């Protein structure tokens, strides 16, 4: 029988470190524009068109549609900070203890 248990907190830590690394790398090289296009968002987050569309359809996601589809970079990082623990806090999944 295969054991499929894992340490949720260890997984969260790994994900946080990877996200911080990518974000830090992008910010240090100063390659991010003030407004991201849909394609730049997908490249930054390593997501495909379907996930990008899902994110941009959320009412709380920072997207401007007045001049095409643009995502304010600073608002994106604020949104990520606010929603990092959304799954745990709102679904009951991954709660430890």
C-alpha atoms as a PDB file:
ATOM      1  CA  UNK A   1       0.000   0.000   0.000  1.00  0.00           C
ATOM      2  CA  UNK A   2       1.227   3.489  -0.829  1.00  0.00           C
ATOM      3  CA  UNK A   3       1.322   6.064   1.962  1.00  0.00           C
ATOM      4  CA  UNK A   4      -0.006   9.396   0.648  1.00  0.00           C
ATOM      5  CA  UNK A   5       0.246  11.496   3.800  1.00  0.00           C
ATOM      6  CA  UNK A   6       2.398  14.596   3.841  1.00  0.00           C
ATOM      7  CA  UNK A   7       3.223  17.513   6.075  1.00  0.00           C
ATOM      8  CA  UNK A   8       0.923  20.359   5.013  1.00  0.00           C
ATOM      9  CA  UNK A   9       2.965  23.032   6.775  1.00  0.00           C
ATOM     10  CA  UNK A  10       6.154  21.844   5.081  1.00  0.00           C
ATOM     11  CA  UNK A  11       4.397  22.031   1.716  1.00  0.00           C
ATOM     12  CA  UNK A  12       3.136  25.554   2.476  1.00  0.00           C
ATOM     13  CA  UNK A  13       6.654  26.619   3.431  1.00  0.00           C
ATOM     14  CA  UNK A  14       8.082  25.247   0.187  1.00  0.00           C
ATOM     15  CA  UNK A  15       5.423  27.079  -1.841  1.00  0.00           C
ATOM     16  CA  UNK A  16       5.999  30.347   0.058  1.00  0.00           C
ATOM     17  CA  UNK A  17       9.749  30.126  -0.500  1.00  0.00           C
ATOM     18  CA  UNK A  18       9.315  29.474  -4.219  1.00  0.00           C
ATOM     19  CA  UNK A  19       6.825  32.327  -4.652  1.00  0.00           C
ATOM     20  CA  UNK A  20       9.043  34.714  -2.689  1.00  0.00           C
ATOM     21  CA  UNK A  21      12.031  33.666  -4.770  1.00  0.00           C
ATOM     22  CA  UNK A  22      10.264  34.336  -8.055  1.00  0.00           C
ATOM     23  CA  UNK A  23       8.774  37.610  -6.858  1.00  0.00           C
ATOM     24  CA  UNK A  24      12.044  38.753  -5.337  1.00  0.00           C
ATOM     25  CA  UNK A  25      13.935  37.887  -8.503  1.00  0.00           C
ATOM     26  CA  UNK A  26      11.478  39.848 -10.637  1.00  0.00           C
ATOM     27  CA  UNK A  27      11.527  42.846  -8.309  1.00  0.00           C
ATOM     28  CA  UNK A  28      15.332  42.877  -7.970  1.00  0.00           C
ATOM     29  CA  UNK A  29      15.847  42.906 -11.695  1.00  0.00           C
ATOM     30  CA  UNK A  30      13.247  45.664 -11.921  1.00  0.00           C
ATOM     31  CA  UNK A  31      11.682  43.987 -14.925  1.00  0.00           C
ATOM     32  CA  UNK A  32       8.072  44.436 -13.909  1.00  0.00           C
ATOM     33  CA  UNK A  33       6.171  47.322 -15.427  1.00  0.00           C
ATOM     34  CA  UNK A  34       3.628  49.261 -13.357  1.00  0.00           C
ATOM     35  CA  UNK A  35       0.829  47.594 -15.350  1.00  0.00           C
ATOM     36  CA  UNK A  36       0.937  43.969 -16.462  1.00  0.00           C
ATOM     37  CA  UNK A  37      -0.724  42.582 -19.540  1.00  0.00           C
ATOM     38  CA  UNK A  38      -2.580  39.287 -19.385  1.00  0.00           C
ATOM     39  CA  UNK A  39       0.423  37.555 -20.978  1.00  0.00           C
ATOM     40  CA  UNK A  40       2.850  39.098 -18.470  1.00  0.00           C
ATOM     41  CA  UNK A  41       0.582  37.987 -15.606  1.00  0.00           C
ATOM     42  CA  UNK A  42       0.580  34.432 -16.962  1.00  0.00           C
ATOM     43  CA  UNK A  43       4.377  34.434 -17.286  1.00  0.00           C
ATOM     44  CA  UNK A  44       4.877  35.913 -13.817  1.00  0.00           C
ATOM     45  CA  UNK A  45       2.576  33.434 -12.069  1.00  0.00           C
ATOM     46  CA  UNK A  46       3.418  30.493 -14.352  1.00  0.00           C
ATOM     47  CA  UNK A  47      -0.240  29.932 -15.188  1.00  0.00           C
ATOM     48  CA  UNK A  48      -2.112  29.263 -18.393  1.00  0.00           C
ATOM     49  CA  UNK A  49      -4.873  31.213 -20.125  1.00  0.00           C
ATOM     50  CA  UNK A  50      -7.692  29.385 -18.325  1.00  0.00           C
ATOM     51  CA  UNK A  51      -6.373  30.133 -14.827  1.00  0.00           C
ATOM     52  CA  UNK A  52      -5.617  33.740 -15.844  1.00  0.00           C
ATOM     53  CA  UNK A  53      -9.210  34.151 -17.056  1.00  0.00           C
ATOM     54  CA  UNK A  54     -10.518  32.658 -13.793  1.00  0.00           C
ATOM     55  CA  UNK A  55      -8.413  35.059 -11.719  1.00  0.00           C
ATOM     56  CA  UNK A  56      -9.376  38.107 -13.751  1.00  0.00           C
ATOM     57  CA  UNK A  57     -13.068  37.176 -13.498  1.00  0.00           C
ATOM     58  CA  UNK A  58     -12.952  37.289  -9.694  1.00  0.00           C
ATOM     59  CA  UNK A  59     -14.632  40.442  -8.376  1.00  0.00           C
ATOM     60  CA  UNK A  60     -11.792  41.019  -5.883  1.00  0.00           C
ATOM     61  CA  UNK A  61      -8.956  40.643  -8.402  1.00  0.00           C
ATOM     62  CA  UNK A  62      -7.231  43.938  -9.360  1.00  0.00           C
ATOM     63  CA  UNK A  63      -7.807  44.311 -13.062  1.00  0.00           C
ATOM     64  CA  UNK A  64      -8.430  47.447 -15.106  1.00  0.00           C
ATOM     65  CA  UNK A  65     -10.501  47.092 -18.247  1.00  0.00           C
ATOM     66  CA  UNK A  66     -10.740  50.752 -19.253  1.00  0.00           C
ATOM     67  CA  UNK A  67      -7.722  50.571 -21.583  1.00  0.00           C
ATOM     68  CA  UNK A  68      -7.713  46.906 -22.449  1.00  0.00           C
ATOM     69  CA  UNK A  69      -6.964  44.323 -19.787  1.00  0.00           C
ATOM     70  CA  UNK A  70      -4.229  45.561 -17.455  1.00  0.00           C
ATOM     71  CA  UNK A  71      -3.259  44.482 -13.946  1.00  0.00           C
ATOM     72  CA  UNK A  72      -1.613  47.066 -11.647  1.00  0.00           C
ATOM     73  CA  UNK A  73       1.556  45.333 -10.408  1.00  0.00           C
ATOM     74  CA  UNK A  74       1.472  46.840  -6.914  1.00  0.00           C
ATOM     75  CA  UNK A  75      -2.210  45.915  -6.474  1.00  0.00           C
ATOM     76  CA  UNK A  76      -1.461  42.372  -7.668  1.00  0.00           C
ATOM     77  CA  UNK A  77       1.149  41.881  -4.936  1.00  0.00           C
ATOM     78  CA  UNK A  78      -1.225  43.324  -2.337  1.00  0.00           C
ATOM     79  CA  UNK A  79      -3.935  40.934  -3.561  1.00  0.00           C
ATOM     80  CA  UNK A  80      -1.544  37.984  -3.305  1.00  0.00           C
ATOM     81  CA  UNK A  81      -0.615  38.962   0.251  1.00  0.00           C
ATOM     82  CA  UNK A  82      -4.287  39.204   1.256  1.00  0.00           C
ATOM     83  CA  UNK A  83      -5.245  35.876  -0.340  1.00  0.00           C
ATOM     84  CA  UNK A  84      -2.299  33.661   0.515  1.00  0.00           C
ATOM     85  CA  UNK A  85      -4.265  31.829   3.230  1.00  0.00           C
ATOM     86  CA  UNK A  86      -7.675  32.111   1.538  1.00  0.00           C
ATOM     87  CA  UNK A  87      -8.071  28.360   0.961  1.00  0.00           C
ATOM     88  CA  UNK A  88      -7.395  27.461   4.580  1.00  0.00           C
ATOM     89  CA  UNK A  89      -9.504  30.237   6.028  1.00  0.00           C
ATOM     90  CA  UNK A  90     -12.509  29.817   3.720  1.00  0.00           C
ATOM     91  CA  UNK A  91     -12.824  26.175   2.767  1.00  0.00           C
ATOM     92  CA  UNK A  92     -11.841  24.190   5.827  1.00  0.00           C
ATOM     93  CA  UNK A  93      -9.253  22.303   3.789  1.00  0.00           C
ATOM     94  CA  UNK A  94      -5.706  21.838   5.030  1.00  0.00           C
ATOM     95  CA  UNK A  95      -6.501  22.793   8.612  1.00  0.00           C
ATOM     96  CA  UNK A  96      -4.084  21.220  11.023  1.00  0.00           C
ATOM     97  CA  UNK A  97      -5.197  20.317  14.557  1.00  0.00           C
END
